[in-house]
Amino acid sequence: MLRLDFSDKSVSYDTFIHDVAASVVRMLAEARNDPEMVSQRQAYAMFGRGNVDRWRRQGKIQPCKRPGKVEYRTAELRELQRKKQDYFHL
């Protein structure tokens, strides 16, 4: 039986593949019905106001501004959501 060794534990190859597949299915389900753009209010509701404001402050996302409306690309927000965040990096 093939096993994968990580620094904190060892798992079988089948377990690893099953977990990866489950993660991919979950990510696809989340993004399946996403619109291309969401309003700032929707972005705050979906990803948290603190996250959206921090990503914007750090220059990781740029809003699309139109008269009376601020929007974000949903795909960019999802990508940032999946990345490990360093909350102590200024």
Protein backbone atom coordinates (compact mmCIF):
# COMPACT_ATOMS: atom_id res chain seq x y z
CA MET A 1 0.00 0.00 0.00
CA LEU A 2 1.36 3.39 -1.01
CA ARG A 3 1.52 5.98 1.78
CA LEU A 4 2.30 9.68 1.64
CA ASP A 5 4.33 11.13 4.47
CA PHE A 6 3.79 14.70 5.58
CA SER A 7 5.62 16.46 8.37
CA ASP A 8 2.70 16.04 10.76
CA LYS A 9 1.21 12.69 9.65
CA SER A 10 1.14 9.85 7.14
CA VAL A 11 -1.91 9.01 5.00
CA SER A 12 -2.71 6.43 2.37
CA TYR A 13 -2.67 7.50 -1.25
CA ASP A 14 -6.38 6.64 -1.56
CA THR A 15 -7.25 8.89 1.40
CA PHE A 16 -5.18 11.72 -0.06
CA ILE A 17 -6.80 11.46 -3.50
CA HIS A 18 -10.30 11.23 -1.98
CA ASP A 19 -9.68 14.38 0.10
CA VAL A 20 -8.30 16.29 -2.90
CA ALA A 21 -11.26 15.25 -5.05
CA ALA A 22 -13.72 16.30 -2.33
CA SER A 23 -12.02 19.71 -2.10
CA VAL A 24 -12.18 20.22 -5.86
CA VAL A 25 -15.87 19.28 -5.96
CA ARG A 26 -16.61 21.70 -3.11
CA MET A 27 -14.74 24.56 -4.84
CA LEU A 28 -16.54 23.92 -8.13
CA ALA A 29 -19.91 23.88 -6.39
CA GLU A 30 -19.16 27.21 -4.70
CA ALA A 31 -18.16 28.88 -7.96
CA ARG A 32 -20.69 27.21 -10.27
CA ASN A 33 -23.41 29.83 -10.01
CA ASP A 34 -21.20 32.84 -9.31
CA PRO A 35 -21.87 35.91 -11.44
CA GLU A 36 -18.88 37.50 -13.15
CA MET A 37 -19.18 40.65 -11.01
CA VAL A 38 -20.66 41.32 -7.57
CA SER A 39 -21.50 44.60 -5.90
CA GLN A 40 -19.49 45.73 -2.90
CA ARG A 41 -22.43 44.86 -0.64
CA GLN A 42 -22.59 41.33 -2.08
CA ALA A 43 -18.81 40.95 -1.75
CA TYR A 44 -19.03 41.94 1.91
CA ALA A 45 -21.81 39.40 2.48
CA MET A 46 -20.00 36.58 0.66
CA PHE A 47 -16.42 37.09 1.85
CA GLY A 48 -16.64 39.34 4.90
CA ARG A 49 -16.18 43.07 5.00
CA GLY A 50 -12.84 42.83 6.79
CA ASN A 51 -11.44 40.49 4.14
CA VAL A 52 -12.62 42.58 1.18
CA ASP A 53 -11.37 45.82 2.73
CA ARG A 54 -7.98 44.24 3.63
CA TRP A 55 -7.50 42.78 0.13
CA ARG A 56 -8.32 46.16 -1.36
CA ARG A 57 -6.00 48.00 1.04
CA GLN A 58 -3.19 45.55 0.23
CA GLY A 59 -3.74 46.08 -3.51
CA LYS A 60 -4.75 42.47 -4.13
CA ILE A 61 -8.05 43.49 -5.76
CA GLN A 62 -9.14 46.56 -7.64
CA PRO A 63 -12.82 47.49 -7.72
CA CYS A 64 -14.56 48.41 -10.93
CA LYS A 65 -16.19 51.76 -10.27
CA ARG A 66 -19.24 52.99 -12.13
CA PRO A 67 -21.48 55.90 -11.22
CA GLY A 68 -23.16 54.93 -7.97
CA LYS A 69 -21.73 51.40 -7.97
CA VAL A 70 -18.58 49.61 -6.84
CA GLU A 71 -18.13 46.05 -8.12
CA TYR A 72 -15.54 43.28 -7.84
CA ARG A 73 -14.72 40.31 -10.06
CA THR A 74 -16.02 37.23 -8.27
CA ALA A 75 -13.25 34.97 -9.60
CA GLU A 76 -10.59 37.25 -8.06
CA LEU A 77 -12.38 37.22 -4.71
CA ARG A 78 -12.67 33.41 -4.78
CA GLU A 79 -8.97 33.09 -5.55
CA LEU A 80 -8.06 35.30 -2.60
CA GLN A 81 -10.47 33.36 -0.39
CA ARG A 82 -8.59 30.12 -1.15
CA LYS A 83 -5.14 31.54 -0.43
CA LYS A 84 -3.61 31.23 3.00
CA GLN A 85 -3.65 34.68 4.54
CA ASP A 86 -0.81 36.30 6.47
CA TYR A 87 -2.74 38.56 8.83
CA PHE A 88 0.39 39.97 10.43
CA HIS A 89 1.93 41.16 7.16
CA LEU A 90 1.27 44.85 6.70
